[in-house]
Protein backbone atom coordinates (compact mmCIF):
# COMPACT_ATOMS: atom_id res chain seq x y z
CA UNK A 1 0.01 -0.11 -0.01
CA UNK A 2 1.15 3.59 -0.76
CA UNK A 3 0.32 6.75 1.24
CA UNK A 4 0.59 9.98 -0.40
CA UNK A 5 0.69 13.20 1.22
CA UNK A 6 0.73 16.54 -0.71
CA UNK A 7 1.98 19.83 0.23
CA UNK A 8 2.90 23.41 -1.06
CA UNK A 9 -0.54 24.67 -1.89
CA UNK A 10 -1.62 28.07 -1.03
CA UNK A 11 -2.80 31.51 -1.87
CA UNK A 12 -0.79 33.29 -4.64
CA UNK A 13 -1.54 36.17 -7.40
CA UNK A 14 -1.62 35.68 -10.88
CA UNK A 15 1.69 35.41 -12.33
CA UNK A 16 3.33 33.83 -9.32
CA UNK A 17 4.83 30.51 -8.89
CA UNK A 18 4.16 27.69 -6.51
CA UNK A 19 5.87 24.18 -6.17
CA UNK A 20 3.70 21.27 -4.98
CA UNK A 21 5.27 18.18 -3.39
CA UNK A 22 3.94 14.65 -2.98
CA UNK A 23 5.42 12.80 -0.35
CA UNK A 24 5.07 8.70 -0.74
CA UNK A 25 5.38 6.09 2.29
CA UNK A 26 6.55 2.55 1.39
CA UNK A 27 9.78 1.31 -0.25
CA UNK A 28 8.62 0.78 -3.73
CA UNK A 29 8.13 4.14 -4.93
CA UNK A 30 10.26 3.81 -7.95
CA UNK A 31 7.68 1.03 -9.22
CA UNK A 32 4.98 3.57 -9.49
CA UNK A 33 4.17 6.00 -12.31
CA UNK A 34 3.06 9.29 -10.74
CA UNK A 35 0.57 12.18 -11.62
CA UNK A 36 -1.01 15.01 -10.68
CA UNK A 37 -4.57 15.89 -11.19
CA UNK A 38 -6.69 18.90 -10.28
CA UNK A 39 -10.30 19.60 -9.27
CA UNK A 40 -12.07 22.96 -9.09
CA UNK A 41 -15.55 23.45 -7.67
CA UNK A 42 -18.23 22.52 -9.73
CA UNK A 43 -15.80 20.63 -12.37
CA UNK A 44 -14.62 17.16 -12.84
CA UNK A 45 -11.12 15.89 -11.78
CA UNK A 46 -8.75 16.81 -14.67
CA UNK A 47 -5.21 15.60 -15.56
CA UNK A 48 -2.24 17.84 -15.14
CA UNK A 49 0.89 16.10 -15.45
CA UNK A 50 2.28 12.64 -15.24
CA UNK A 51 5.95 11.02 -14.94
CA UNK A 52 6.85 7.67 -15.59
CA UNK A 53 8.78 5.45 -13.09
CA UNK A 54 12.28 6.45 -14.08
CA UNK A 55 11.22 10.12 -14.49
CA UNK A 56 12.42 9.89 -18.11
CA UNK A 57 8.87 10.40 -19.69
CA UNK A 58 6.55 13.11 -18.97
CA UNK A 59 3.39 14.39 -20.34
CA UNK A 60 1.30 17.39 -19.56
CA UNK A 61 -2.28 18.76 -20.22
CA UNK A 62 -2.33 21.39 -22.60
CA UNK A 63 -3.35 23.80 -20.03
CA UNK A 64 -0.04 23.10 -18.17
CA UNK A 65 2.45 22.90 -20.99
CA UNK A 66 5.22 25.37 -20.92
CA UNK A 67 4.19 26.36 -17.58
CA UNK A 68 4.32 23.36 -15.34
CA UNK A 69 6.93 20.85 -14.64
CA UNK A 70 6.47 17.46 -13.09
CA UNK A 71 9.88 15.83 -11.64
CA UNK A 72 10.53 12.91 -9.12
CA UNK A 73 13.20 11.87 -6.80
CA UNK A 74 13.06 8.12 -6.25
CA UNK A 75 15.78 8.30 -3.47
CA UNK A 76 13.28 10.49 -1.59
CA UNK A 77 10.18 9.20 -2.33
CA UNK A 78 8.79 12.34 -3.76
CA UNK A 79 7.31 13.58 -6.76
CA UNK A 80 7.22 17.51 -7.33
CA UNK A 81 4.90 20.09 -9.41
CA UNK A 82 6.50 23.29 -10.60
CA UNK A 83 4.02 25.77 -11.26
CA UNK A 84 4.94 29.15 -13.07
CA UNK A 85 2.69 31.90 -14.49
CA UNK A 86 -0.11 30.85 -12.48
CA UNK A 87 -3.62 31.90 -13.59
CA UNK A 88 -6.71 32.08 -11.86
CA UNK A 89 -8.04 29.09 -13.87
CA UNK A 90 -5.53 27.19 -12.37
CA UNK A 91 -7.14 27.48 -8.93
CA UNK A 92 -8.02 23.95 -7.81
CA UNK A 93 -7.50 21.24 -5.24
CA UNK A 94 -4.40 19.37 -6.35
CA UNK A 95 -4.21 15.58 -6.12
CA UNK A 96 -1.13 13.49 -6.32
CA UNK A 97 -2.16 9.85 -7.58
CA UNK A 98 0.31 6.56 -7.97
CA UNK A 99 0.06 4.11 -10.80
CA UNK A 100 1.38 0.69 -10.67
CA UNK A 101 1.61 -0.66 -14.19
CA UNK A 102 2.88 -3.62 -16.15
CA UNK A 103 4.69 -1.44 -18.43
CA UNK A 104 6.75 1.38 -17.84
CA UNK A 105 4.87 4.52 -19.02
CA UNK A 106 3.35 7.85 -17.71
CA UNK A 107 -0.52 7.41 -17.64
CA UNK A 108 -2.92 10.34 -18.42
CA UNK A 109 -6.01 8.82 -17.26
CA UNK A 110 -7.27 8.89 -13.72
CA UNK A 111 -8.66 5.21 -14.23
CA UNK A 112 -5.18 4.10 -14.24
CA UNK A 113 -4.09 5.31 -11.19
CA UNK A 114 -5.10 3.42 -7.82
CA UNK A 115 -3.46 5.15 -5.09
CA UNK A 116 -4.65 9.13 -4.50
CA UNK A 117 -3.50 11.62 -1.90
CA UNK A 118 -6.02 13.72 -0.33
CA UNK A 119 -5.27 17.16 -2.12
CA UNK A 120 -3.67 20.32 -1.50
CA UNK A 121 -5.49 23.69 -2.22
CA UNK A 122 -4.11 26.13 -4.65
CA UNK A 123 -5.75 29.43 -5.08
CA UNK A 124 -4.71 32.14 -7.53
CA UNK A 125 -6.11 35.60 -6.99
CA UNK A 126 -6.28 37.90 -10.27
């Protein structure tokens, strides 16, 4: 079992940056592809970014491309999401998720993820 704890959310102004972190329990962190999703009030949860087990493959939602960067440190059991040039539309609860897959790739669908954190709130004022 994997427990995921997100941190780093907060209230920022448009144009600011935030770095979200997700700490994972257990000794098999490197066996999981990791992803970030977000959910704004009244909207469905949406994909933001994903990274494969080794960290060599990443994918981003169109809304995140060029502004967000996902990275992982398998030695520290952490995955990070660097968010730059934040916009009010980025405001949401951000969730970290882990996927244990039979092949090594970076999944983009929420259904491919089995473990989820409780989320961290990001608020962006205009």
